[in-house]
Amino acid sequence: MSYSLKEINEAVRSDPQGFAQACDQAFNEKVEMAAKKIADHRKESRIILLSGPSGSGKTTTAMKIEEVLDNAGIETHTISMDNYFNTIDPDTAPRNREGQIDYESPFCLDIDLLNRHFSMLDRGETIHIPKYEFSRQMRSDILSQPLQLGADELAIFEGIHALNDVIVGKNLKAFKLYIAARSNVVDEDGTVVFDHSWLRLCRRIVRDFKFRGSDATFTLKMWPNVRRGEKLYISPYKENADLMFDSSLACEFSVLKPFVVPLLEAIPRGQYQVVDDILAAYERIEPMEERCIAPNSLVREFIGGSGYQY
């Protein structure tokens, strides 16, 4: 799927708030469709595995699916698989070809514990979800939370490695959902103006700045390693999904512009080719004011000002 540059710009100029509402409605329809498929599958397994590359909106999408299912009387619990990271041990941590710790590897997770917890939940047993403390790079079992699923309750496990074979291979009956921003912005002749991978990068740059105070250089330095991890550990397994979900919104290219362009313009031209390409593309895209975006829009995961907690 692609979005028309001409249609985006015309919509932003004529009725930006209506455009944003229409984009949110289209996204919510996808959420409702995914929730229905999950609900229909729940007799097979109580586990939903939700994966996607960085900047895909997994957190908000999982929350929205949970809301739809809860409203349908199916109590649902969303668990971040980040909490299953192992405490970093330099002697045993996976390493990349350069000999550095490979933080993108699925083997940074406690795979055995995850698979054991999936089986226990499906059997109606109580598990204790660990809590990973990123500031200390260690897992805390003291802060763990108990969870037991009732007869008609579900658990969404959300994480970049959720569809990896090391997990899916032992949980074949779980419902598997792959989320990614998959749509480009194209010109009238079909030429790509704004690549879908740039959208995820812009989402990350803005979110890292808004929530962490990090400048764009911080995100850009990490990005090649993130992309390497995606190609090795995420993209090859997307075909495991029962449903693929495009999380891009046509309006967000315009919404992100006032946030991301100043951050990118602070970087010297020529330092990063992708920055120069994105800035050139943004010269052709109309900006949209943040006030047009609803508090519960997916876009709020990246620009802030939402009722959701990330």
Protein backbone atom coordinates (compact mmCIF):
# COMPACT_ATOMS: atom_id res chain seq x y z
CA MET A 1 0.00 0.00 0.00
CA SER A 2 1.14 3.56 -0.73
CA TYR A 3 -0.12 7.03 0.14
CA SER A 4 -0.45 9.77 -2.46
CA LEU A 5 1.66 12.86 -1.75
CA LYS A 6 -0.86 15.01 -3.58
CA GLU A 7 -3.80 13.68 -1.54
CA ILE A 8 -1.93 14.11 1.75
CA ASN A 9 -1.05 17.73 0.99
CA GLU A 10 -4.56 18.56 -0.20
CA ALA A 11 -6.09 17.03 2.93
CA VAL A 12 -3.71 18.90 5.25
CA ARG A 13 -4.49 22.21 3.53
CA SER A 14 -8.26 21.76 3.39
CA ASP A 15 -9.26 19.92 6.58
CA PRO A 16 -6.34 18.75 8.73
CA GLN A 17 -8.46 17.74 11.72
CA GLY A 18 -10.89 15.77 9.58
CA PHE A 19 -7.94 14.12 7.83
CA ALA A 20 -6.42 13.09 11.16
CA GLN A 21 -9.76 11.72 12.36
CA ALA A 22 -10.18 9.69 9.16
CA CYS A 23 -6.68 8.23 9.59
CA ASP A 24 -7.41 7.27 13.19
CA GLN A 25 -10.69 5.68 12.14
CA ALA A 26 -8.94 3.60 9.46
CA PHE A 27 -6.36 2.47 12.04
CA ASN A 28 -9.07 1.64 14.58
CA GLU A 29 -10.86 -0.49 11.99
CA LYS A 30 -7.65 -2.51 11.56
CA VAL A 31 -7.46 -2.89 15.35
CA GLU A 32 -11.05 -4.12 15.52
CA MET A 33 -10.42 -6.60 12.71
CA ALA A 34 -7.32 -7.93 14.51
CA ALA A 35 -9.22 -8.16 17.81
CA LYS A 36 -12.01 -10.16 16.15
CA LYS A 37 -9.53 -12.62 14.66
CA ILE A 38 -7.84 -12.99 18.06
CA ALA A 39 -11.19 -13.50 19.81
CA ASP A 40 -12.19 -16.18 17.29
CA HIS A 41 -8.86 -17.95 17.91
CA ARG A 42 -8.96 -17.95 21.71
CA LYS A 43 -10.19 -21.54 22.02
CA GLU A 44 -6.93 -22.63 20.37
CA SER A 45 -4.64 -20.67 22.70
CA ARG A 46 -4.78 -17.91 25.29
CA ILE A 47 -1.48 -16.46 24.03
CA ILE A 48 -1.06 -13.70 21.44
CA LEU A 49 2.45 -13.08 20.12
CA LEU A 50 2.82 -9.54 18.76
CA SER A 51 6.01 -8.59 16.93
CA GLY A 52 7.38 -5.90 14.67
CA PRO A 53 10.51 -3.80 14.12
CA SER A 54 11.47 -0.77 16.18
CA GLY A 55 9.19 2.24 15.73
CA SER A 56 6.22 0.17 14.56
CA GLY A 57 3.78 1.28 17.23
CA LYS A 58 3.58 -2.12 18.89
CA THR A 59 2.85 -0.66 22.34
CA THR A 60 -0.14 1.44 21.30
CA THR A 61 -1.49 -1.24 18.98
CA ALA A 62 -1.35 -3.85 21.74
CA MET A 63 -3.14 -1.46 24.12
CA LYS A 64 -5.84 -0.71 21.58
CA ILE A 65 -6.41 -4.41 20.83
CA GLU A 66 -6.62 -5.02 24.57
CA GLU A 67 -9.26 -2.27 24.90
CA VAL A 68 -11.41 -3.73 22.11
CA LEU A 69 -11.22 -7.22 23.60
CA ASP A 70 -11.93 -5.95 27.12
CA ASN A 71 -14.98 -4.08 25.82
CA ALA A 72 -16.15 -7.34 24.25
CA GLY A 73 -15.94 -9.04 27.64
CA ILE A 74 -12.63 -10.80 26.97
CA GLU A 75 -10.24 -9.62 29.65
CA THR A 76 -6.80 -9.19 28.15
CA HIS A 77 -3.38 -8.54 29.68
CA THR A 78 -0.49 -6.99 27.71
CA ILE A 79 3.02 -8.00 28.75
CA SER A 80 6.22 -6.50 27.37
CA MET A 81 8.72 -9.19 26.49
CA ASP A 82 11.46 -6.69 27.40
CA ASN A 83 10.86 -7.79 30.99
CA TYR A 84 12.26 -11.19 30.04
CA PHE A 85 15.70 -9.85 29.18
CA ASN A 86 18.44 -11.72 30.96
CA THR A 87 20.70 -9.86 33.36
CA ILE A 88 23.67 -8.92 31.20
CA ASP A 89 26.64 -11.21 31.80
CA PRO A 90 29.62 -10.27 29.58
CA ASP A 91 30.85 -13.86 29.69
CA THR A 92 27.67 -15.40 28.28
CA ALA A 93 25.92 -12.56 26.38
CA PRO A 94 25.52 -13.04 22.59
CA ARG A 95 27.99 -11.08 20.51
CA ASN A 96 28.05 -9.73 16.96
CA ARG A 97 30.80 -10.21 14.38
CA GLU A 98 32.72 -7.25 15.81
CA GLY A 99 32.82 -8.93 19.22
CA GLN A 100 30.44 -6.47 20.87
CA ILE A 101 27.42 -7.57 22.92
CA ASP A 102 24.54 -8.05 20.48
CA TYR A 103 21.64 -6.37 22.26
CA GLU A 104 19.39 -7.03 19.25
CA SER A 105 19.73 -10.83 19.56
CA PRO A 106 16.73 -12.86 20.76
CA PHE A 107 19.17 -14.76 22.97
CA CYS A 108 19.34 -11.71 25.24
CA LEU A 109 15.91 -12.94 26.33
CA ASP A 110 15.27 -15.79 28.75
CA ILE A 111 13.74 -17.99 26.06
CA ASP A 112 13.25 -20.98 28.35
CA LEU A 113 11.34 -18.93 30.90
CA LEU A 114 9.16 -17.33 28.24
CA ASN A 115 8.19 -20.67 26.72
CA ARG A 116 7.55 -22.11 30.17
CA HIS A 117 5.29 -19.17 31.04
CA PHE A 118 3.32 -19.51 27.79
CA SER A 119 2.60 -23.16 28.55
CA MET A 120 1.66 -22.42 32.15
CA LEU A 121 -0.76 -19.65 31.15
CA ASP A 122 -2.43 -21.87 28.58
CA ARG A 123 -2.94 -24.47 31.32
CA GLY A 124 -4.47 -21.87 33.66
CA GLU A 125 -1.50 -21.85 36.03
CA THR A 126 -0.06 -18.79 37.79
CA ILE A 127 3.15 -17.22 36.50
CA HIS A 128 5.26 -14.42 37.96
CA ILE A 129 6.18 -11.87 35.29
CA PRO A 130 9.68 -10.52 35.96
CA LYS A 131 10.60 -6.84 35.80
CA TYR A 132 13.67 -5.76 33.86
CA GLU A 133 15.47 -2.68 35.19
CA PHE A 134 17.15 -1.10 32.16
CA SER A 135 19.03 1.45 34.23
CA ARG A 136 20.80 -1.40 36.02
CA GLN A 137 20.72 -3.84 33.07
CA MET A 138 19.38 -6.57 35.27
CA ARG A 139 16.18 -8.51 35.83
CA SER A 140 14.40 -8.23 39.15
CA ASP A 141 12.35 -11.16 40.39
CA ILE A 142 11.53 -9.19 43.56
CA LEU A 143 9.40 -6.80 41.48
CA SER A 144 7.67 -9.63 39.61
CA GLN A 145 3.89 -9.57 39.12
CA PRO A 146 1.66 -12.67 39.35
CA LEU A 147 -0.71 -13.49 36.48
CA GLN A 148 -3.24 -16.27 36.08
CA LEU A 149 -5.66 -16.34 33.16
CA GLY A 150 -9.30 -17.08 33.76
CA ALA A 151 -11.42 -19.25 31.46
CA ASP A 152 -11.95 -16.47 28.88
CA GLU A 153 -8.87 -14.30 29.45
CA LEU A 154 -5.97 -13.68 27.07
CA ALA A 155 -2.36 -12.49 27.30
CA ILE A 156 -0.64 -10.39 24.63
CA PHE A 157 3.14 -10.77 24.69
CA GLU A 158 4.57 -7.82 22.78
CA GLY A 159 8.20 -7.67 21.63
CA ILE A 160 10.45 -7.52 18.60
CA HIS A 161 11.30 -11.24 18.84
CA ALA A 162 7.81 -12.60 19.46
CA LEU A 163 7.65 -14.36 16.06
CA ASN A 164 11.17 -15.77 16.10
CA ASP A 165 11.30 -19.52 15.55
CA VAL A 166 12.83 -20.07 19.00
CA ILE A 167 9.50 -18.90 20.43
CA VAL A 168 6.95 -19.75 17.75
CA GLY A 169 8.38 -23.24 17.34
CA LYS A 170 7.13 -24.24 20.80
CA ASN A 171 3.90 -22.20 20.65
CA LEU A 172 2.39 -23.09 17.30
CA LYS A 173 -1.21 -22.55 18.46
CA ALA A 174 -0.64 -18.98 19.71
CA PHE A 175 -2.15 -16.21 17.58
CA LYS A 176 0.70 -14.43 15.83
CA LEU A 177 0.52 -10.76 14.79
CA TYR A 178 3.18 -8.80 12.88
CA ILE A 179 3.05 -5.00 12.99
CA ALA A 180 5.11 -2.61 10.85
CA ALA A 181 4.78 0.75 9.13
CA ARG A 182 4.74 -0.62 5.61
CA SER A 183 3.48 2.20 3.35
CA ASN A 184 5.50 4.67 1.29
CA VAL A 185 4.43 8.14 0.17
CA VAL A 186 4.48 8.30 -3.64
CA ASP A 187 4.25 10.94 -6.34
CA GLU A 188 1.63 10.91 -9.09
CA ASP A 189 3.87 8.76 -11.29
CA GLY A 190 4.42 6.23 -8.49
CA THR A 191 7.91 7.45 -7.57
CA VAL A 192 8.65 6.97 -3.88
CA VAL A 193 8.95 10.35 -2.15
CA PHE A 194 9.12 9.11 1.44
CA ASP A 195 10.24 5.56 2.23
CA HIS A 196 8.39 3.61 4.93
CA SER A 197 11.65 2.86 6.76
CA TRP A 198 12.23 6.62 7.10
CA LEU A 199 8.90 6.92 8.88
CA ARG A 200 10.02 4.48 11.58
CA LEU A 201 13.32 6.32 11.92
CA CYS A 202 11.51 9.66 12.28
CA ARG A 203 9.18 8.14 14.86
CA ARG A 204 12.21 6.94 16.84
CA ILE A 205 14.05 10.27 16.57
CA VAL A 206 11.05 12.22 17.84
CA ARG A 207 10.25 9.73 20.61
CA ASP A 208 13.87 9.55 21.79
CA PHE A 209 13.94 13.36 21.97
CA LYS A 210 10.53 13.77 23.62
CA PHE A 211 10.85 10.99 26.20
CA ARG A 212 14.62 10.69 26.72
CA GLY A 213 15.94 14.11 25.79
CA SER A 214 18.26 12.51 23.20
CA ASP A 215 19.23 14.40 20.07
CA ALA A 216 18.85 12.96 16.58
CA THR A 217 22.52 11.94 16.44
CA PHE A 218 21.93 9.52 19.32
CA THR A 219 19.19 7.70 17.39
CA LEU A 220 21.06 7.81 14.08
CA LYS A 221 24.17 6.21 15.59
CA MET A 222 22.08 3.32 16.88
CA TRP A 223 19.97 2.94 13.74
CA PRO A 224 22.36 0.84 11.58
CA ASN A 225 22.62 -1.74 14.38
CA VAL A 226 18.85 -1.69 14.86
CA ARG A 227 18.36 -2.28 11.13
CA ARG A 228 20.95 -5.07 11.16
CA GLY A 229 19.05 -6.75 13.99
CA GLU A 230 15.77 -6.42 12.09
CA LYS A 231 17.20 -8.10 9.00
CA LEU A 232 18.72 -10.91 11.05
CA TYR A 233 16.14 -11.52 13.75
CA ILE A 234 12.77 -9.98 12.82
CA SER A 235 12.02 -9.73 9.09
CA PRO A 236 12.86 -13.40 8.32
CA TYR A 237 10.13 -14.50 10.73
CA LYS A 238 7.27 -12.20 9.74
CA GLU A 239 5.84 -14.98 7.57
CA ASN A 240 5.08 -16.83 10.82
CA ALA A 241 2.33 -14.30 11.42
CA ASP A 242 -1.37 -15.15 11.20
CA LEU A 243 -2.00 -11.48 10.46
CA MET A 244 0.21 -8.66 9.12
CA PHE A 245 -0.80 -5.19 10.24
CA ASP A 246 0.29 -1.89 8.61
CA SER A 247 0.63 0.63 11.44
CA SER A 248 1.33 3.71 9.30
CA LEU A 249 -1.14 6.61 9.20
CA ALA A 250 -1.28 8.86 6.13
CA CYS A 251 -1.40 12.00 8.27
CA GLU A 252 1.64 11.28 10.43
CA PHE A 253 4.21 12.20 7.79
CA SER A 254 2.84 15.74 8.12
CA VAL A 255 2.39 15.57 11.89
CA LEU A 256 5.99 14.50 12.47
CA LYS A 257 7.42 17.23 10.22
CA PRO A 258 7.41 20.13 12.75
CA PHE A 259 9.03 17.82 15.32
CA VAL A 260 11.65 15.98 13.31
CA VAL A 261 12.83 18.56 10.76
CA PRO A 262 14.43 20.91 13.35
CA LEU A 263 16.17 17.91 14.94
CA LEU A 264 17.53 16.79 11.58
CA GLU A 265 18.51 20.31 10.51
CA ALA A 266 20.80 20.49 13.56
CA ILE A 267 22.96 17.79 11.95
CA PRO A 268 25.56 19.01 9.41
CA ARG A 269 24.55 18.24 5.85
CA GLY A 270 26.44 15.32 4.34
CA GLN A 271 27.06 13.56 7.66
CA TYR A 272 24.18 11.10 7.14
CA GLN A 273 22.79 10.45 3.67
CA VAL A 274 19.44 9.33 5.12
CA VAL A 275 19.08 12.70 6.89
CA ASP A 276 19.66 14.60 3.65
CA ASP A 277 17.14 12.36 1.87
CA ILE A 278 14.47 12.82 4.56
CA LEU A 279 14.91 16.60 4.64
CA ALA A 280 14.62 16.72 0.84
CA ALA A 281 11.41 14.70 1.02
CA TYR A 282 9.98 16.93 3.74
CA GLU A 283 10.37 19.98 1.50
CA ARG A 284 7.46 18.52 -0.46
CA ILE A 285 5.20 17.56 2.47
CA GLU A 286 2.83 20.00 4.15
CA PRO A 287 3.16 20.23 7.96
CA MET A 288 0.24 19.53 10.30
CA GLU A 289 -0.24 21.06 13.74
CA GLU A 290 -0.18 18.77 16.76
CA ARG A 291 -3.53 20.13 17.97
CA CYS A 292 -5.24 18.17 15.18
CA ILE A 293 -4.19 14.85 16.74
CA ALA A 294 -6.51 13.09 19.17
CA PRO A 295 -5.15 12.16 22.63
CA ASN A 296 -5.54 8.43 21.92
CA SER A 297 -4.08 8.44 18.40
CA LEU A 298 -1.26 6.03 17.58
CA VAL A 299 0.84 9.08 16.68
CA ARG A 300 0.86 10.07 20.37
CA GLU A 301 3.15 7.13 21.10
CA PHE A 302 5.87 9.14 19.37
CA ILE A 303 5.00 12.82 19.88
CA GLY A 304 3.62 12.55 23.44
CA GLY A 305 0.60 14.19 25.01
CA SER A 306 -1.30 10.91 25.30
CA GLY A 307 -3.32 9.30 28.04
CA TYR A 308 -1.33 6.09 27.44
CA GLN A 309 1.75 5.45 29.53
CA TYR A 310 4.84 4.21 27.68
